[in-house]
Protein backbone atom coordinates (compact mmCIF):
# COMPACT_ATOMS: atom_id res chain seq x y z
CA MET A 1 0.00 0.00 0.00
CA ILE A 2 1.10 3.56 -0.62
CA PRO A 3 1.91 5.31 2.68
CA ASP A 4 -0.49 8.04 3.87
CA TYR A 5 -3.09 7.16 1.26
CA PRO A 6 -6.53 5.88 2.12
CA SER A 7 -7.14 2.28 1.21
CA ASP A 8 -8.05 2.41 -2.46
CA PRO A 9 -8.46 -0.90 -4.31
CA ILE A 10 -7.70 0.66 -7.71
CA ARG A 11 -4.50 2.28 -6.45
CA GLN A 12 -3.53 -0.97 -4.71
CA GLN A 13 -4.08 -2.94 -7.94
CA ALA A 14 -1.99 -0.42 -9.85
CA LEU A 15 0.79 -0.69 -7.27
CA GLU A 16 0.77 -4.48 -7.47
CA ALA A 17 0.72 -4.50 -11.28
CA LEU A 18 3.53 -1.95 -11.59
CA THR A 19 5.60 -3.75 -8.96
CA ALA A 20 5.17 -7.02 -10.85
CA ALA A 21 6.16 -5.33 -14.12
CA PHE A 22 9.33 -3.91 -12.56
CA VAL A 23 10.19 -7.32 -11.06
CA VAL A 24 9.77 -8.92 -14.50
CA GLN A 25 12.22 -6.32 -15.83
CA GLY A 26 14.74 -7.63 -13.31
CA HIS A 27 14.45 -5.15 -10.44
CA PRO A 28 14.54 -6.54 -6.88
CA THR A 29 11.07 -6.63 -5.30
CA GLU A 30 11.88 -4.01 -2.66
CA TYR A 31 13.12 -1.54 -5.27
CA ALA A 32 10.27 -2.41 -7.62
CA THR A 33 7.77 -1.51 -4.92
CA HIS A 34 9.45 1.86 -4.36
CA MET A 35 9.62 2.50 -8.09
CA ALA A 36 5.93 1.67 -8.51
CA THR A 37 4.99 3.88 -5.56
CA ALA A 38 6.96 6.78 -7.03
CA ALA A 39 5.36 6.32 -10.46
CA ILE A 40 1.85 6.33 -8.99
CA PHE A 41 2.64 9.32 -6.79
CA GLN A 42 4.02 11.28 -9.77
CA THR A 43 0.96 10.45 -11.85
CA ASP A 44 -1.29 11.55 -9.00
CA LEU A 45 0.58 14.87 -8.74
CA GLU A 46 0.25 15.42 -12.49
CA LEU A 47 -3.48 14.69 -12.32
CA ARG A 48 -3.99 17.12 -9.44
CA ASN A 49 -2.00 19.78 -11.29
CA ALA A 50 -4.16 19.28 -14.39
CA GLN A 51 -7.33 19.49 -12.28
CA LEU A 52 -6.20 22.73 -10.64
CA SER A 53 -5.16 24.23 -13.98
CA ARG A 54 -8.48 23.36 -15.55
CA LEU A 55 -10.41 24.75 -12.59
CA LEU A 56 -8.46 28.00 -12.71
CA ALA A 57 -9.02 28.30 -16.48
CA TRP A 58 -12.73 27.70 -15.97
CA LEU A 59 -12.88 30.31 -13.20
CA LYS A 60 -11.07 32.82 -15.39
CA GLN A 61 -13.60 32.35 -18.17
CA GLU A 62 -16.83 31.67 -16.30
CA GLN A 63 -16.33 33.37 -12.93
CA PRO A 64 -13.90 36.23 -13.51
CA ASN A 65 -15.10 37.99 -10.35
CA ILE A 66 -13.55 35.27 -8.14
CA TYR A 67 -10.65 34.26 -10.39
CA GLN A 68 -8.15 36.64 -8.80
CA ASP A 69 -9.16 35.49 -5.31
CA ALA A 70 -8.61 31.89 -6.40
CA LEU A 71 -5.15 32.73 -7.74
CA THR A 72 -4.30 34.49 -4.49
CA LEU A 73 -5.44 31.45 -2.50
CA VAL A 74 -3.39 29.09 -4.67
CA GLU A 75 -0.31 31.27 -4.26
CA SER A 76 -0.70 31.59 -0.49
CA THR A 77 -1.10 27.82 -0.24
CA ARG A 78 2.15 27.36 -2.15
CA GLU A 79 3.95 29.82 0.12
CA GLU A 80 2.62 28.11 3.28
CA PHE A 81 3.70 24.73 1.95
CA GLU A 82 7.20 25.97 1.13
CA LYS A 83 7.55 27.41 4.65
CA ARG A 84 6.49 24.06 6.18
CA VAL A 85 9.00 22.20 4.01
CA GLN A 86 11.79 24.57 5.00
CA LEU A 87 10.96 24.09 8.70
CA SER A 88 11.07 20.31 8.41
């Protein structure tokens, strides 16, 4: 299972399938599991980025009165996250 993720049967199946594919390619099981986890995590990040980008584009076109507030919120969230990472 992927750490800190809720139990998700689809994600678990993907992890198992990717791990198996990496093992078939000759990677040790432990490394294959880490590689599969990283691949799923990266894909999830890309999906979330695409969702946010699409939402912001929609707001800009359909709700211009709140678009700037949304951008400000996104930017402040990024800044807060960077501060937390630096403190870790």
